[in-house]
N, C-alpha and C. Protein backbone atom coordinates (compact mmCIF):
# COMPACT_ATOMS: atom_id res chain seq x y z
N MET A 1 0.81 -1.19 0.00
CA MET A 1 0.00 0.00 0.00
C MET A 1 0.86 1.26 0.00
N THR A 2 1.96 1.23 0.73
CA THR A 2 2.82 2.41 0.75
C THR A 2 3.48 2.65 -0.60
N GLU A 3 3.60 1.59 -1.40
CA GLU A 3 4.18 1.77 -2.74
C GLU A 3 3.29 2.67 -3.60
N ILE A 4 1.99 2.56 -3.44
CA ILE A 4 1.07 3.43 -4.18
C ILE A 4 1.30 4.88 -3.80
N PHE A 5 1.42 5.14 -2.50
CA PHE A 5 1.63 6.51 -2.05
C PHE A 5 3.01 7.03 -2.40
N SER A 6 4.02 6.17 -2.36
CA SER A 6 5.38 6.63 -2.63
C SER A 6 5.58 7.01 -4.09
N THR A 7 4.70 6.55 -4.97
CA THR A 7 4.83 6.91 -6.38
C THR A 7 3.97 8.11 -6.77
N LEU A 8 3.36 8.78 -5.79
CA LEU A 8 2.57 9.97 -6.10
C LEU A 8 3.47 11.04 -6.70
N GLY A 9 3.03 11.57 -7.80
CA GLY A 9 3.82 12.59 -8.46
C GLY A 9 2.98 13.81 -8.78
N ILE A 10 3.60 14.73 -9.43
CA ILE A 10 2.95 15.99 -9.78
C ILE A 10 1.75 15.74 -10.67
N TRP A 11 1.94 14.92 -11.69
CA TRP A 11 0.87 14.68 -12.66
C TRP A 11 -0.29 13.92 -12.05
N ASN A 12 -0.01 13.06 -11.09
CA ASN A 12 -1.09 12.34 -10.43
C ASN A 12 -2.04 13.30 -9.73
N TRP A 13 -1.49 14.29 -9.07
CA TRP A 13 -2.33 15.26 -8.36
C TRP A 13 -3.11 16.13 -9.33
N LEU A 14 -2.47 16.54 -10.41
CA LEU A 14 -3.16 17.38 -11.38
C LEU A 14 -4.30 16.61 -12.06
N ILE A 15 -4.05 15.38 -12.43
CA ILE A 15 -5.09 14.56 -13.05
C ILE A 15 -6.21 14.28 -12.05
N PHE A 16 -5.86 13.98 -10.82
CA PHE A 16 -6.86 13.73 -9.78
C PHE A 16 -7.74 14.96 -9.56
N GLY A 17 -7.12 16.14 -9.58
CA GLY A 17 -7.89 17.37 -9.42
C GLY A 17 -8.85 17.61 -10.57
N VAL A 18 -8.39 17.37 -11.78
CA VAL A 18 -9.26 17.56 -12.95
C VAL A 18 -10.40 16.54 -12.95
N VAL A 19 -10.10 15.29 -12.56
CA VAL A 19 -11.15 14.27 -12.50
C VAL A 19 -12.20 14.63 -11.46
N LEU A 20 -11.77 15.10 -10.30
CA LEU A 20 -12.73 15.50 -9.27
C LEU A 20 -13.60 16.66 -9.75
N MET A 21 -13.00 17.61 -10.44
CA MET A 21 -13.78 18.73 -10.94
C MET A 21 -14.74 18.29 -12.04
N ALA A 22 -14.33 17.32 -12.85
CA ALA A 22 -15.22 16.79 -13.88
C ALA A 22 -16.37 16.01 -13.26
N LEU A 23 -16.10 15.29 -12.19
CA LEU A 23 -17.17 14.57 -11.49
C LEU A 23 -18.19 15.53 -10.88
N GLU A 24 -17.74 16.73 -10.59
CA GLU A 24 -18.66 17.74 -10.07
C GLU A 24 -19.75 18.07 -11.09
N LEU A 25 -19.41 17.99 -12.36
CA LEU A 25 -20.41 18.24 -13.40
C LEU A 25 -21.48 17.16 -13.42
N LEU A 26 -21.09 15.93 -13.09
CA LEU A 26 -22.05 14.83 -13.07
C LEU A 26 -22.90 14.80 -11.81
N ALA A 27 -22.32 15.21 -10.70
CA ALA A 27 -23.02 15.20 -9.42
C ALA A 27 -22.88 16.58 -8.78
N PRO A 28 -23.66 17.55 -9.25
CA PRO A 28 -23.50 18.90 -8.73
C PRO A 28 -23.83 18.97 -7.24
N GLY A 29 -23.11 19.79 -6.59
CA GLY A 29 -23.27 19.98 -5.16
C GLY A 29 -22.14 20.83 -4.62
N ALA A 30 -21.18 21.14 -5.47
CA ALA A 30 -20.04 22.01 -5.17
C ALA A 30 -19.11 21.45 -4.11
N PHE A 31 -19.20 20.17 -3.81
CA PHE A 31 -18.29 19.60 -2.82
C PHE A 31 -17.03 19.05 -3.48
N LEU A 32 -17.19 18.33 -4.58
CA LEU A 32 -16.03 17.76 -5.26
C LEU A 32 -15.15 18.82 -5.90
N PHE A 33 -15.74 19.95 -6.25
CA PHE A 33 -14.96 21.04 -6.83
C PHE A 33 -13.85 21.48 -5.89
N TRP A 34 -14.18 21.62 -4.62
CA TRP A 34 -13.20 22.10 -3.65
C TRP A 34 -12.13 21.06 -3.36
N LEU A 35 -12.50 19.78 -3.38
CA LEU A 35 -11.48 18.75 -3.23
C LEU A 35 -10.58 18.71 -4.46
N GLY A 36 -11.16 18.93 -5.63
CA GLY A 36 -10.36 19.02 -6.85
C GLY A 36 -9.41 20.20 -6.81
N LEU A 37 -9.89 21.31 -6.29
CA LEU A 37 -9.03 22.48 -6.15
C LEU A 37 -7.88 22.20 -5.19
N ALA A 38 -8.15 21.48 -4.12
CA ALA A 38 -7.09 21.12 -3.17
C ALA A 38 -6.05 20.23 -3.85
N ALA A 39 -6.50 19.27 -4.67
CA ALA A 39 -5.56 18.40 -5.38
C ALA A 39 -4.74 19.18 -6.39
N LEU A 40 -5.37 20.13 -7.08
CA LEU A 40 -4.62 20.96 -8.03
C LEU A 40 -3.58 21.82 -7.31
N LEU A 41 -3.93 22.33 -6.14
CA LEU A 41 -2.96 23.12 -5.37
C LEU A 41 -1.76 22.28 -4.96
N VAL A 42 -2.01 21.04 -4.55
CA VAL A 42 -0.89 20.15 -4.19
C VAL A 42 -0.03 19.88 -5.42
N GLY A 43 -0.66 19.65 -6.57
CA GLY A 43 0.10 19.42 -7.79
C GLY A 43 0.94 20.61 -8.18
N LEU A 44 0.38 21.80 -8.07
CA LEU A 44 1.13 23.00 -8.43
C LEU A 44 2.27 23.28 -7.45
N LEU A 45 2.01 23.05 -6.16
CA LEU A 45 3.09 23.24 -5.18
C LEU A 45 4.19 22.19 -5.34
N SER A 46 3.82 21.01 -5.83
CA SER A 46 4.82 19.97 -6.04
C SER A 46 5.80 20.33 -7.15
N PHE A 47 5.37 21.18 -8.08
CA PHE A 47 6.29 21.67 -9.10
C PHE A 47 7.41 22.49 -8.47
N VAL A 48 7.06 23.22 -7.41
CA VAL A 48 8.00 24.18 -6.82
C VAL A 48 8.88 23.54 -5.76
N ILE A 49 8.28 22.78 -4.82
CA ILE A 49 9.06 22.35 -3.67
C ILE A 49 9.41 20.86 -3.66
N ASN A 50 8.79 20.03 -4.51
CA ASN A 50 9.07 18.59 -4.59
C ASN A 50 9.03 17.91 -3.22
N PRO A 51 7.86 17.89 -2.56
CA PRO A 51 7.75 17.29 -1.23
C PRO A 51 7.69 15.77 -1.28
N SER A 52 7.88 15.17 -0.12
CA SER A 52 7.74 13.71 -0.01
C SER A 52 6.26 13.35 -0.11
N TRP A 53 5.97 12.06 -0.26
CA TRP A 53 4.58 11.66 -0.40
C TRP A 53 3.79 11.92 0.88
N GLN A 54 4.46 11.82 2.04
CA GLN A 54 3.78 12.11 3.30
C GLN A 54 3.36 13.58 3.35
N MET A 55 4.25 14.44 2.90
CA MET A 55 3.95 15.87 2.89
C MET A 55 2.85 16.19 1.88
N GLN A 56 2.82 15.49 0.75
CA GLN A 56 1.78 15.71 -0.24
C GLN A 56 0.40 15.35 0.32
N ILE A 57 0.31 14.21 1.01
CA ILE A 57 -0.96 13.81 1.62
C ILE A 57 -1.36 14.81 2.69
N LEU A 58 -0.42 15.26 3.47
CA LEU A 58 -0.71 16.25 4.51
C LEU A 58 -1.17 17.57 3.90
N MET A 59 -0.52 18.01 2.83
CA MET A 59 -0.95 19.24 2.16
C MET A 59 -2.35 19.10 1.60
N PHE A 60 -2.67 17.94 1.00
CA PHE A 60 -4.01 17.73 0.48
C PHE A 60 -5.04 17.79 1.60
N ALA A 61 -4.74 17.16 2.72
CA ALA A 61 -5.68 17.18 3.85
C ALA A 61 -5.88 18.60 4.37
N ILE A 62 -4.81 19.36 4.46
CA ILE A 62 -4.91 20.74 4.95
C ILE A 62 -5.69 21.60 3.97
N PHE A 63 -5.37 21.49 2.67
CA PHE A 63 -6.08 22.29 1.67
C PHE A 63 -7.55 21.89 1.59
N ALA A 64 -7.84 20.61 1.69
CA ALA A 64 -9.24 20.16 1.64
C ALA A 64 -9.99 20.66 2.87
N ALA A 65 -9.35 20.60 4.02
CA ALA A 65 -10.00 21.08 5.24
C ALA A 65 -10.18 22.59 5.21
N ALA A 66 -9.34 23.29 4.48
CA ALA A 66 -9.45 24.75 4.40
C ALA A 66 -10.43 25.20 3.33
N THR A 67 -10.52 24.48 2.21
CA THR A 67 -11.36 24.95 1.11
C THR A 67 -12.83 24.57 1.28
N VAL A 68 -13.12 23.44 1.85
CA VAL A 68 -14.52 23.03 2.01
C VAL A 68 -15.29 24.00 2.92
N PRO A 69 -14.74 24.42 4.06
CA PRO A 69 -15.49 25.40 4.85
C PRO A 69 -15.65 26.76 4.14
N LEU A 70 -14.73 27.10 3.26
CA LEU A 70 -14.88 28.34 2.49
C LEU A 70 -16.12 28.27 1.60
N TRP A 71 -16.41 27.07 1.09
CA TRP A 71 -17.58 26.88 0.25
C TRP A 71 -18.86 27.09 1.05
N ARG A 72 -18.84 26.69 2.30
CA ARG A 72 -20.04 26.79 3.14
C ARG A 72 -20.40 28.23 3.44
N ARG A 73 -19.44 29.14 3.37
CA ARG A 73 -19.73 30.55 3.63
C ARG A 73 -20.45 31.09 2.50
């Protein structure tokens, strides 16, 4: 299982973000959009700082926890 996480790369996050945003079109509710935005942010930051997979998961969790409540406002 850790092998899956250790191979997370920049493109994985960007594709994951686009897929989540596309799924938002199929199931509107504005929830998946914010998770997709969090994944895109992790992908873009990975271009700059090249974090470990643990840091990438942590950044995704932080961005997701920060963006979803913004939607509720």
